[in-house]
Amino acid sequence: MLRLKLMFATLTFTSFTTMADVPDKILNTPIALLNGNTITLEEYRDKKPVYLKFWASWCQPCIKEMPHFQESQEEYGDQIKIISINIGINDTVEDINKVAQEYELTMASAYDTDGEVAQAFQFIGTPYHLLFDKNINLVHRGHKADESLDKKLHLLANQSETEHVSHAVFSKKEQTLDLPIYTKKPTAIYFTSTWCDWYLKETRPEASENCSRSQVEFNKLASKYNSVNWMLVVSRLWTVQSDLDDYIKKYDIRITSLIDTSNTAFVKYNIKNYPTLVVFKNGEEVHRTSDLVRDMRLANIIESL
């Protein structure tokens, strides 16, 4: 009987220590690396902790943190799987490689081309740091490379027990944005952000200018072609309702304007550049563009709908 009790206790303890407290979707979300491989968190369960950092090349705090990121790789790379994840918004593989070369980054590098990774991990702004212990329990979530992050990296690297943090954010459900593209009228949806016109001025001046002039051009088109159902949808990244309200006032926008709080529309239509105008007819996409002023075909396409 004593032997049975000891066996049961051992099995129970083993099950407890190897059980991840994050949803299966998180464990099995594929992360595509630039070297052609695809990995998941599940692969590292019971093997080593995992550190994910989401970033963008135009994100000033992200770039400022890159020396710290590489130092973390050099100090803890043998004990912790460290993965760099570019969010794929207004970035290319060339942009990623340029940053990697400049800061001599040597950790695994991923490119979230379809937004599914950011969606699964409830990404809402860069930089975004996630730490998981050896059993893939969430132990850190934040937006700064600070003392708290460093402390937990050290604890994980030394296999010390680290307090878990709530993983409820990964199960958070936002209302799905229902975009009315199956109407009798053709639909044109302008996907953008409330900040690309000003935040990108220093790091991406051309993109910043395009955000401004494309918004102005969009307003002109919406005013001219009443036969089209025009909508403006902004990204949830770094954005709340007051930001959208300010943006509407700034550009004197007079059409339906919404925040994609669940990010489902941006993922569904694979919006990876801000801005992007997507034109639909009979529920089917017929055109998309990210530069409304320089797209010589756009006016003719709208007129022919």
C-alpha atoms as a PDB file:
ATOM      1  CA  MET A   1       0.000   0.000   0.000  1.00  0.00           C
ATOM      2  CA  LEU A   2       2.822   2.402   0.906  1.00  0.00           C
ATOM      3  CA  ARG A   3       4.493   1.665  -2.422  1.00  0.00           C
ATOM      4  CA  LEU A   4       1.261   2.446  -4.279  1.00  0.00           C
ATOM      5  CA  LYS A   5       0.882   5.728  -2.386  1.00  0.00           C
ATOM      6  CA  LEU A   6       4.446   6.710  -3.234  1.00  0.00           C
ATOM      7  CA  MET A   7       3.905   5.843  -6.899  1.00  0.00           C
ATOM      8  CA  PHE A   8       0.697   7.895  -6.983  1.00  0.00           C
ATOM      9  CA  ALA A   9       2.406  10.851  -5.316  1.00  0.00           C
ATOM     10  CA  THR A  10       5.294  10.664  -7.795  1.00  0.00           C
ATOM     11  CA  LEU A  11       2.965  10.514 -10.789  1.00  0.00           C
ATOM     12  CA  THR A  12       0.853  13.385  -9.457  1.00  0.00           C
ATOM     13  CA  PHE A  13       3.907  15.560  -8.860  1.00  0.00           C
ATOM     14  CA  THR A  14       5.315  14.771 -12.295  1.00  0.00           C
ATOM     15  CA  SER A  15       2.005  15.616 -13.969  1.00  0.00           C
ATOM     16  CA  PHE A  16       1.797  18.871 -12.044  1.00  0.00           C
ATOM     17  CA  THR A  17       5.298  20.010 -12.860  1.00  0.00           C
ATOM     18  CA  THR A  18       5.048  19.242 -16.564  1.00  0.00           C
ATOM     19  CA  MET A  19       1.596  20.685 -17.145  1.00  0.00           C
ATOM     20  CA  ALA A  20       1.533  24.029 -18.924  1.00  0.00           C
ATOM     21  CA  ASP A  21      -1.045  26.497 -17.685  1.00  0.00           C
ATOM     22  CA  VAL A  22      -1.444  28.250 -21.051  1.00  0.00           C
ATOM     23  CA  PRO A  23      -4.111  27.289 -23.624  1.00  0.00           C
ATOM     24  CA  ASP A  24      -3.356  24.571 -26.167  1.00  0.00           C
ATOM     25  CA  LYS A  25      -3.650  27.180 -28.916  1.00  0.00           C
ATOM     26  CA  ILE A  26      -0.628  28.971 -27.475  1.00  0.00           C
ATOM     27  CA  LEU A  27       1.344  25.758 -27.138  1.00  0.00           C
ATOM     28  CA  ASN A  28       0.719  24.749 -30.732  1.00  0.00           C
ATOM     29  CA  THR A  29       0.797  28.052 -32.596  1.00  0.00           C
ATOM     30  CA  PRO A  30       3.367  27.624 -35.384  1.00  0.00           C
ATOM     31  CA  ILE A  31       6.185  30.165 -35.385  1.00  0.00           C
ATOM     32  CA  ALA A  32       7.871  30.368 -38.800  1.00  0.00           C
ATOM     33  CA  LEU A  33      11.595  31.113 -38.585  1.00  0.00           C
ATOM     34  CA  LEU A  34      13.538  32.899 -41.291  1.00  0.00           C
ATOM     35  CA  ASN A  35      15.760  29.837 -41.705  1.00  0.00           C
ATOM     36  CA  GLY A  36      12.769  27.899 -43.029  1.00  0.00           C
ATOM     37  CA  ASN A  37      11.993  25.929 -39.875  1.00  0.00           C
ATOM     38  CA  THR A  38       8.723  26.112 -37.948  1.00  0.00           C
ATOM     39  CA  ILE A  39       8.601  25.673 -34.181  1.00  0.00           C
ATOM     40  CA  THR A  40       6.015  25.708 -31.378  1.00  0.00           C
ATOM     41  CA  LEU A  41       6.195  26.244 -27.633  1.00  0.00           C
ATOM     42  CA  GLU A  42       5.096  22.639 -27.169  1.00  0.00           C
ATOM     43  CA  GLU A  43       8.442  21.484 -28.573  1.00  0.00           C
ATOM     44  CA  TYR A  44      10.275  23.083 -25.646  1.00  0.00           C
ATOM     45  CA  ARG A  45       8.045  21.850 -22.844  1.00  0.00           C
ATOM     46  CA  ASP A  46      10.148  19.909 -20.310  1.00  0.00           C
ATOM     47  CA  LYS A  47      13.281  20.954 -22.217  1.00  0.00           C
ATOM     48  CA  LYS A  48      13.977  24.630 -21.585  1.00  0.00           C
ATOM     49  CA  PRO A  49      12.294  27.986 -20.897  1.00  0.00           C
ATOM     50  CA  VAL A  50      11.296  30.214 -23.821  1.00  0.00           C
ATOM     51  CA  TYR A  51      11.654  33.962 -24.270  1.00  0.00           C
ATOM     52  CA  LEU A  52       9.659  35.627 -27.070  1.00  0.00           C
ATOM     53  CA  LYS A  53      10.203  39.238 -28.070  1.00  0.00           C
ATOM     54  CA  PHE A  54       7.868  40.919 -30.586  1.00  0.00           C
ATOM     55  CA  TRP A  55       9.278  43.965 -32.355  1.00  0.00           C
ATOM     56  CA  ALA A  56       9.283  46.189 -35.456  1.00  0.00           C
ATOM     57  CA  SER A  57      12.181  47.936 -37.151  1.00  0.00           C
ATOM     58  CA  TRP A  58      10.396  51.308 -36.996  1.00  0.00           C
ATOM     59  CA  CYS A  59       9.610  50.944 -33.274  1.00  0.00           C
ATOM     60  CA  GLN A  60      12.053  53.234 -31.490  1.00  0.00           C
ATOM     61  CA  PRO A  61      11.960  51.491 -28.064  1.00  0.00           C
ATOM     62  CA  CYS A  62      12.416  48.128 -29.827  1.00  0.00           C
ATOM     63  CA  ILE A  63      15.612  49.261 -31.516  1.00  0.00           C
ATOM     64  CA  LYS A  64      16.877  50.874 -28.329  1.00  0.00           C
ATOM     65  CA  GLU A  65      16.485  47.515 -26.581  1.00  0.00           C
ATOM     66  CA  MET A  66      18.346  45.482 -29.212  1.00  0.00           C
ATOM     67  CA  PRO A  67      21.747  45.574 -27.427  1.00  0.00           C
ATOM     68  CA  HIS A  68      20.016  44.240 -24.287  1.00  0.00           C
ATOM     69  CA  PHE A  69      18.290  41.567 -26.373  1.00  0.00           C
ATOM     70  CA  GLN A  70      21.589  40.323 -27.806  1.00  0.00           C
ATOM     71  CA  GLU A  71      23.221  40.435 -24.369  1.00  0.00           C
ATOM     72  CA  SER A  72      20.408  38.210 -23.088  1.00  0.00           C
ATOM     73  CA  GLN A  73      21.098  35.778 -25.912  1.00  0.00           C
ATOM     74  CA  GLU A  74      24.814  35.665 -25.146  1.00  0.00           C
ATOM     75  CA  GLU A  75      24.295  35.212 -21.418  1.00  0.00           C
ATOM     76  CA  TYR A  76      21.304  32.858 -21.385  1.00  0.00           C
ATOM     77  CA  GLY A  77      21.039  31.415 -24.899  1.00  0.00           C
ATOM     78  CA  ASP A  78      22.237  27.971 -23.825  1.00  0.00           C
ATOM     79  CA  GLN A  79      19.670  27.703 -21.028  1.00  0.00           C
ATOM     80  CA  ILE A  80      16.716  29.582 -22.588  1.00  0.00           C
ATOM     81  CA  LYS A  81      15.303  29.404 -26.111  1.00  0.00           C
ATOM     82  CA  ILE A  82      15.240  33.037 -27.203  1.00  0.00           C
ATOM     83  CA  ILE A  83      13.162  33.938 -30.260  1.00  0.00           C
ATOM     84  CA  SER A  84      12.952  37.267 -32.051  1.00  0.00           C
ATOM     85  CA  ILE A  85       9.544  37.806 -33.694  1.00  0.00           C
ATOM     86  CA  ASN A  86       9.123  40.666 -36.122  1.00  0.00           C
ATOM     87  CA  ILE A  87       5.414  41.547 -36.280  1.00  0.00           C
ATOM     88  CA  GLY A  88       5.490  41.935 -40.072  1.00  0.00           C
ATOM     89  CA  ILE A  89       3.749  45.327 -40.167  1.00  0.00           C
ATOM     90  CA  ASN A  90       5.369  47.793 -42.578  1.00  0.00           C
ATOM     91  CA  ASP A  91       8.473  45.604 -42.443  1.00  0.00           C
ATOM     92  CA  THR A  92      10.208  43.282 -44.901  1.00  0.00           C
ATOM     93  CA  VAL A  93      12.738  40.478 -44.511  1.00  0.00           C
ATOM     94  CA  GLU A  94      15.350  42.959 -45.696  1.00  0.00           C
ATOM     95  CA  ASP A  95      14.395  45.316 -42.848  1.00  0.00           C
ATOM     96  CA  ILE A  96      14.733  42.463 -40.349  1.00  0.00           C
ATOM     97  CA  ASN A  97      18.115  41.399 -41.699  1.00  0.00           C
ATOM     98  CA  LYS A  98      19.382  44.965 -41.618  1.00  0.00           C
ATOM     99  CA  VAL A  99      18.596  45.274 -37.908  1.00  0.00           C
ATOM    100  CA  ALA A 100      20.047  41.812 -37.215  1.00  0.00           C
ATOM    101  CA  GLN A 101      23.301  42.770 -38.933  1.00  0.00           C
ATOM    102  CA  GLU A 102      23.555  46.159 -37.259  1.00  0.00           C
ATOM    103  CA  TYR A 103      23.112  44.717 -33.758  1.00  0.00           C
ATOM    104  CA  GLU A 104      24.754  41.357 -34.507  1.00  0.00           C
ATOM    105  CA  LEU A 105      21.691  39.436 -33.355  1.00  0.00           C
ATOM    106  CA  THR A 106      22.274  35.695 -33.094  1.00  0.00           C
ATOM    107  CA  MET A 107      19.016  34.367 -31.623  1.00  0.00           C
ATOM    108  CA  ALA A 108      16.385  32.526 -33.680  1.00  0.00           C
ATOM    109  CA  SER A 109      14.447  34.978 -35.829  1.00  0.00           C
ATOM    110  CA  ALA A 110      10.808  34.751 -36.949  1.00  0.00           C
ATOM    111  CA  TYR A 111       8.651  36.839 -39.301  1.00  0.00           C
ATOM    112  CA  ASP A 112       4.914  36.938 -38.574  1.00  0.00           C
ATOM    113  CA  THR A 113       3.808  37.213 -42.195  1.00  0.00           C
ATOM    114  CA  ASP A 114       0.104  36.540 -41.617  1.00  0.00           C
ATOM    115  CA  GLY A 115      -0.365  38.031 -38.139  1.00  0.00           C
ATOM    116  CA  GLU A 116      -1.461  34.703 -36.649  1.00  0.00           C
ATOM    117  CA  VAL A 117       1.344  34.574 -34.067  1.00  0.00           C
ATOM    118  CA  ALA A 118       0.641  38.084 -32.789  1.00  0.00           C
ATOM    119  CA  GLN A 119      -3.063  37.250 -32.724  1.00  0.00           C
ATOM    120  CA  ALA A 120      -2.544  34.083 -30.676  1.00  0.00           C
ATOM    121  CA  PHE A 121      -0.303  35.800 -28.131  1.00  0.00           C
ATOM    122  CA  GLN A 122      -2.617  38.826 -27.793  1.00  0.00           C
ATOM    123  CA  PHE A 123      -0.036  41.273 -29.065  1.00  0.00           C
ATOM    124  CA  ILE A 124      -1.201  44.883 -28.652  1.00  0.00           C
ATOM    125  CA  GLY A 125       2.014  46.885 -28.945  1.00  0.00           C
ATOM    126  CA  THR A 126       5.788  46.691 -29.372  1.00  0.00           C
ATOM    127  CA  PRO A 127       8.072  45.887 -27.750  1.00  0.00           C
ATOM    128  CA  TYR A 128       6.333  42.872 -26.250  1.00  0.00           C
ATOM    129  CA  HIS A 129       8.213  40.461 -23.972  1.00  0.00           C
ATOM    130  CA  LEU A 130       6.887  37.035 -22.983  1.00  0.00           C
ATOM    131  CA  LEU A 131       8.722  34.556 -20.756  1.00  0.00           C
ATOM    132  CA  PHE A 132       7.691  30.945 -20.225  1.00  0.00           C
ATOM    133  CA  ASP A 133       9.310  28.557 -17.771  1.00  0.00           C
ATOM    134  CA  LYS A 134      10.462  25.035 -18.635  1.00  0.00           C
ATOM    135  CA  ASN A 135       6.897  23.754 -18.293  1.00  0.00           C
ATOM    136  CA  ILE A 136       5.665  26.607 -20.544  1.00  0.00           C
ATOM    137  CA  ASN A 137       3.903  28.429 -17.732  1.00  0.00           C
ATOM    138  CA  LEU A 138       3.771  32.177 -18.300  1.00  0.00           C
ATOM    139  CA  VAL A 139       6.099  33.935 -15.848  1.00  0.00           C
ATOM    140  CA  HIS A 140       6.510  37.381 -17.412  1.00  0.00           C
ATOM    141  CA  ARG A 141       4.575  39.665 -19.753  1.00  0.00           C
ATOM    142  CA  GLY A 142       5.562  43.249 -20.398  1.00  0.00           C
ATOM    143  CA  HIS A 143       6.616  45.995 -22.785  1.00  0.00           C
ATOM    144  CA  LYS A 144      10.007  46.943 -21.337  1.00  0.00           C
ATOM    145  CA  ALA A 145      13.411  45.359 -21.003  1.00  0.00           C
ATOM    146  CA  ASP A 146      13.596  46.203 -17.324  1.00  0.00           C
ATOM    147  CA  GLU A 147      14.872  44.871 -14.020  1.00  0.00           C
ATOM    148  CA  SER A 148      11.886  42.559 -13.648  1.00  0.00           C
ATOM    149  CA  LEU A 149      12.614  40.912 -16.988  1.00  0.00           C
ATOM    150  CA  ASP A 150      16.314  40.540 -16.178  1.00  0.00           C
ATOM    151  CA  LYS A 151      15.577  38.999 -12.796  1.00  0.00           C
ATOM    152  CA  LYS A 152      13.260  36.403 -14.273  1.00  0.00           C
ATOM    153  CA  LEU A 153      15.685  35.557 -17.069  1.00  0.00           C
ATOM    154  CA  HIS A 154      18.328  34.898 -14.430  1.00  0.00           C
ATOM    155  CA  LEU A 155      15.965  32.725 -12.362  1.00  0.00           C
ATOM    156  CA  LEU A 156      14.889  30.692 -15.381  1.00  0.00           C
ATOM    157  CA  ALA A 157      18.452  30.202 -16.576  1.00  0.00           C
ATOM    158  CA  ASN A 158      19.369  28.842 -13.150  1.00  0.00           C
ATOM    159  CA  GLN A 159      16.293  26.592 -12.993  1.00  0.00           C
ATOM    160  CA  SER A 160      14.977  28.492  -9.986  1.00  0.00           C
ATOM    161  CA  GLU A 161      11.283  28.514  -9.239  1.00  0.00           C
ATOM    162  CA  THR A 162       9.577  31.558 -10.745  1.00  0.00           C
ATOM    163  CA  GLU A 163       6.131  32.818  -9.860  1.00  0.00           C
ATOM    164  CA  HIS A 164       3.539  32.374 -12.585  1.00  0.00           C
ATOM    165  CA  VAL A 165       1.549  35.322 -13.932  1.00  0.00           C
ATOM    166  CA  SER A 166      -2.006  35.130 -15.196  1.00  0.00           C
ATOM    167  CA  HIS A 167      -2.387  33.704 -18.670  1.00  0.00           C
ATOM    168  CA  ALA A 168      -5.996  34.891 -18.892  1.00  0.00           C
ATOM    169  CA  VAL A 169      -4.967  37.456 -21.511  1.00  0.00           C
ATOM    170  CA  PHE A 170      -4.439  34.622 -23.988  1.00  0.00           C
ATOM    171  CA  SER A 171      -8.079  33.608 -23.612  1.00  0.00           C
ATOM    172  CA  LYS A 172      -9.461  37.137 -23.744  1.00  0.00           C
ATOM    173  CA  LYS A 173     -12.307  37.477 -26.220  1.00  0.00           C
ATOM    174  CA  GLU A 174     -12.981  40.766 -27.969  1.00  0.00           C
ATOM    175  CA  GLN A 175     -16.073  41.265 -30.085  1.00  0.00           C
ATOM    176  CA  THR A 176     -15.407  40.294 -33.682  1.00  0.00           C
ATOM    177  CA  LEU A 177     -15.740  43.202 -36.069  1.00  0.00           C
ATOM    178  CA  ASP A 178     -18.537  42.501 -38.533  1.00  0.00           C
ATOM    179  CA  LEU A 179     -17.665  44.317 -41.752  1.00  0.00           C
ATOM    180  CA  PRO A 180     -20.654  44.635 -44.108  1.00  0.00           C
ATOM    181  CA  ILE A 181     -19.057  43.711 -47.413  1.00  0.00           C
ATOM    182  CA  TYR A 182     -21.934  41.535 -48.642  1.00  0.00           C
ATOM    183  CA  THR A 183     -24.295  44.393 -49.438  1.00  0.00           C
ATOM    184  CA  LYS A 184     -25.836  45.418 -52.719  1.00  0.00           C
ATOM    185  CA  LYS A 185     -23.338  48.266 -52.876  1.00  0.00           C
ATOM    186  CA  PRO A 186     -19.637  47.649 -53.536  1.00  0.00           C
ATOM    187  CA  THR A 187     -17.502  48.205 -50.434  1.00  0.00           C
ATOM    188  CA  ALA A 188     -14.144  49.879 -49.914  1.00  0.00           C
ATOM    189  CA  ILE A 189     -12.446  49.447 -46.542  1.00  0.00           C
ATOM    190  CA  TYR A 190      -9.503  51.616 -45.585  1.00  0.00           C
ATOM    191  CA  PHE A 191      -7.297  49.829 -43.028  1.00  0.00           C
ATOM    192  CA  THR A 192      -4.875  52.082 -41.206  1.00  0.00           C
ATOM    193  CA  SER A 193      -3.680  53.164 -37.757  1.00  0.00           C
ATOM    194  CA  THR A 194      -4.230  56.353 -35.798  1.00  0.00           C
ATOM    195  CA  TRP A 195      -0.486  56.859 -35.394  1.00  0.00           C
ATOM    196  CA  CYS A 196       1.294  55.928 -38.626  1.00  0.00           C
ATOM    197  CA  ASP A 197       1.131  59.518 -39.891  1.00  0.00           C
ATOM    198  CA  TRP A 198       3.108  60.906 -36.942  1.00  0.00           C
ATOM    199  CA  TYR A 199       4.917  58.051 -35.172  1.00  0.00           C
ATOM    200  CA  LEU A 200       6.776  56.953 -38.314  1.00  0.00           C
ATOM    201  CA  LYS A 201       8.072  60.436 -39.125  1.00  0.00           C
ATOM    202  CA  GLU A 202      11.556  59.787 -37.742  1.00  0.00           C
ATOM    203  CA  THR A 203      12.052  56.111 -38.596  1.00  0.00           C
ATOM    204  CA  ARG A 204       9.996  55.869 -41.806  1.00  0.00           C
ATOM    205  CA  PRO A 205       9.390  59.386 -43.164  1.00  0.00           C
ATOM    206  CA  GLU A 206       8.116  58.154 -46.550  1.00  0.00           C
ATOM    207  CA  ALA A 207       5.627  55.809 -44.885  1.00  0.00           C
ATOM    208  CA  SER A 208       4.520  58.611 -42.573  1.00  0.00           C
ATOM    209  CA  GLU A 209       3.890  60.910 -45.503  1.00  0.00           C
ATOM    210  CA  ASN A 210       2.013  58.178 -47.342  1.00  0.00           C
ATOM    211  CA  CYS A 211      -0.270  57.644 -44.340  1.00  0.00           C
ATOM    212  CA  SER A 212      -1.202  61.317 -44.378  1.00  0.00           C
ATOM    213  CA  ARG A 213      -1.702  61.789 -48.101  1.00  0.00           C
ATOM    214  CA  SER A 214      -3.535  58.491 -48.522  1.00  0.00           C
ATOM    215  CA  GLN A 215      -5.993  59.426 -45.784  1.00  0.00           C
ATOM    216  CA  VAL A 216      -6.683  62.735 -47.514  1.00  0.00           C
ATOM    217  CA  GLU A 217      -7.137  60.951 -50.851  1.00  0.00           C
ATOM    218  CA  PHE A 218      -9.439  58.405 -49.248  1.00  0.00           C
ATOM    219  CA  ASN A 219     -11.640  61.217 -47.943  1.00  0.00           C
ATOM    220  CA  LYS A 220     -11.864  62.673 -51.452  1.00  0.00           C
ATOM    221  CA  LEU A 221     -12.849  59.325 -52.973  1.00  0.00           C
ATOM    222  CA  ALA A 222     -15.446  58.676 -50.285  1.00  0.00           C
ATOM    223  CA  SER A 223     -16.966  62.083 -50.908  1.00  0.00           C
ATOM    224  CA  LYS A 224     -17.000  61.720 -54.694  1.00  0.00           C
ATOM    225  CA  TYR A 225     -18.295  58.162 -55.156  1.00  0.00           C
ATOM    226  CA  ASN A 226     -21.512  57.803 -53.178  1.00  0.00           C
ATOM    227  CA  SER A 227     -22.350  54.497 -54.858  1.00  0.00           C
ATOM    228  CA  VAL A 228     -19.647  52.782 -52.768  1.00  0.00           C
ATOM    229  CA  ASN A 229     -19.993  51.722 -49.137  1.00  0.00           C
ATOM    230  CA  TRP A 230     -16.905  53.346 -47.586  1.00  0.00           C
ATOM    231  CA  MET A 231     -15.502  52.331 -44.198  1.00  0.00           C
ATOM    232  CA  LEU A 232     -12.427  53.166 -42.162  1.00  0.00           C
ATOM    233  CA  VAL A 233     -11.015  50.531 -39.794  1.00  0.00           C
ATOM    234  CA  VAL A 234      -8.044  51.265 -37.547  1.00  0.00           C
ATOM    235  CA  SER A 235      -5.689  48.844 -35.860  1.00  0.00           C
ATOM    236  CA  ARG A 236      -6.091  48.165 -32.153  1.00  0.00           C
ATOM    237  CA  LEU A 237      -2.336  48.600 -31.636  1.00  0.00           C
ATOM    238  CA  TRP A 238      -1.660  51.417 -29.158  1.00  0.00           C
ATOM    239  CA  THR A 239      -5.201  52.640 -29.809  1.00  0.00           C
ATOM    240  CA  VAL A 240      -8.288  53.357 -27.726  1.00  0.00           C
ATOM    241  CA  GLN A 241     -11.515  55.134 -28.649  1.00  0.00           C
ATOM    242  CA  SER A 242     -10.178  58.587 -27.756  1.00  0.00           C
ATOM    243  CA  ASP A 243      -7.320  58.078 -30.225  1.00  0.00           C
ATOM    244  CA  LEU A 244      -9.792  57.264 -32.972  1.00  0.00           C
ATOM    245  CA  ASP A 245     -11.915  60.285 -32.016  1.00  0.00           C
ATOM    246  CA  ASP A 246      -8.868  62.549 -32.299  1.00  0.00           C
ATOM    247  CA  TYR A 247      -7.922  61.001 -35.644  1.00  0.00           C
ATOM    248  CA  ILE A 248     -11.437  61.566 -37.016  1.00  0.00           C
ATOM    249  CA  LYS A 249     -11.268  65.229 -36.022  1.00  0.00           C
ATOM    250  CA  LYS A 250      -7.767  65.623 -37.391  1.00  0.00           C
ATOM    251  CA  TYR A 251      -8.736  64.462 -40.882  1.00  0.00           C
ATOM    252  CA  ASP A 252     -12.403  65.524 -40.795  1.00  0.00           C
ATOM    253  CA  ILE A 253     -13.532  61.960 -41.520  1.00  0.00           C
ATOM    254  CA  ARG A 254     -17.266  61.668 -42.214  1.00  0.00           C
ATOM    255  CA  ILE A 255     -17.782  57.957 -42.772  1.00  0.00           C
ATOM    256  CA  THR A 256     -18.170  54.937 -40.502  1.00  0.00           C
ATOM    257  CA  SER A 257     -14.931  54.560 -38.516  1.00  0.00           C
ATOM    258  CA  LEU A 258     -14.176  51.624 -36.208  1.00  0.00           C
ATOM    259  CA  ILE A 259     -11.393  50.056 -34.147  1.00  0.00           C
ATOM    260  CA  ASP A 260     -10.706  46.397 -34.863  1.00  0.00           C
ATOM    261  CA  THR A 261     -10.496  45.561 -31.145  1.00  0.00           C
ATOM    262  CA  SER A 262     -10.245  41.821 -31.788  1.00  0.00           C
ATOM    263  CA  ASN A 263      -7.748  42.259 -34.662  1.00  0.00           C
ATOM    264  CA  THR A 264      -9.725  39.648 -36.592  1.00  0.00           C
ATOM    265  CA  ALA A 265     -10.388  41.848 -39.613  1.00  0.00           C
ATOM    266  CA  PHE A 266      -6.715  42.775 -39.997  1.00  0.00           C
ATOM    267  CA  VAL A 267      -5.756  39.093 -39.807  1.00  0.00           C
ATOM    268  CA  LYS A 268      -8.606  37.893 -42.039  1.00  0.00           C
ATOM    269  CA  TYR A 269      -7.678  40.292 -44.826  1.00  0.00           C
ATOM    270  CA  ASN A 270      -3.923  39.955 -44.179  1.00  0.00           C
ATOM    271  CA  ILE A 271      -3.324  43.659 -43.640  1.00  0.00           C
ATOM    272  CA  LYS A 272       0.433  43.991 -43.205  1.00  0.00           C
ATOM    273  CA  ASN A 273       0.945  47.540 -44.429  1.00  0.00           C
ATOM    274  CA  TYR A 274      -0.609  50.684 -43.008  1.00  0.00           C
ATOM    275  CA  PRO A 275      -2.526  52.018 -44.821  1.00  0.00           C
ATOM    276  CA  THR A 276      -4.201  49.478 -47.103  1.00  0.00           C
ATOM    277  CA  LEU A 277      -7.396  50.056 -49.065  1.00  0.00           C
ATOM    278  CA  VAL A 278      -9.302  46.888 -49.999  1.00  0.00           C
ATOM    279  CA  VAL A 279     -12.101  47.119 -52.568  1.00  0.00           C
ATOM    280  CA  PHE A 280     -14.877  44.505 -52.738  1.00  0.00           C
ATOM    281  CA  LYS A 281     -17.584  43.788 -55.302  1.00  0.00           C
ATOM    282  CA  ASN A 282     -20.244  41.154 -54.658  1.00  0.00           C
ATOM    283  CA  GLY A 283     -18.289  40.110 -51.584  1.00  0.00           C
ATOM    284  CA  GLU A 284     -15.090  39.440 -53.528  1.00  0.00           C
ATOM    285  CA  GLU A 285     -11.883  41.435 -53.341  1.00  0.00           C
ATOM    286  CA  VAL A 286     -11.182  43.147 -56.640  1.00  0.00           C
ATOM    287  CA  HIS A 287      -8.351  45.504 -55.719  1.00  0.00           C
ATOM    288  CA  ARG A 288      -6.018  46.559 -52.914  1.00  0.00           C
ATOM    289  CA  THR A 289      -3.464  49.306 -52.620  1.00  0.00           C
ATOM    290  CA  SER A 290      -1.251  50.913 -49.990  1.00  0.00           C
ATOM    291  CA  ASP A 291      -0.643  54.177 -51.832  1.00  0.00           C
ATOM    292  CA  LEU A 292      -3.913  55.785 -52.839  1.00  0.00           C
ATOM    293  CA  VAL A 293      -2.310  58.814 -54.498  1.00  0.00           C
ATOM    294  CA  ARG A 294       0.146  56.976 -56.725  1.00  0.00           C
ATOM    295  CA  ASP A 295      -2.170  54.117 -57.686  1.00  0.00           C
ATOM    296  CA  MET A 296      -3.135  55.177 -61.189  1.00  0.00           C
ATOM    297  CA  ARG A 297      -5.713  52.399 -61.557  1.00  0.00           C
ATOM    298  CA  LEU A 298      -7.677  53.147 -58.406  1.00  0.00           C
ATOM    299  CA  ALA A 299     -10.057  55.850 -59.690  1.00  0.00           C
ATOM    300  CA  ASN A 300     -10.951  53.820 -62.778  1.00  0.00           C
ATOM    301  CA  ILE A 301     -11.623  50.736 -60.655  1.00  0.00           C
ATOM    302  CA  ILE A 302     -13.900  52.676 -58.306  1.00  0.00           C
ATOM    303  CA  GLU A 303     -15.794  54.189 -61.244  1.00  0.00           C
ATOM    304  CA  SER A 304     -16.332  50.768 -62.812  1.00  0.00           C
ATOM    305  CA  LEU A 305     -17.838  49.143 -59.709  1.00  0.00           C
END
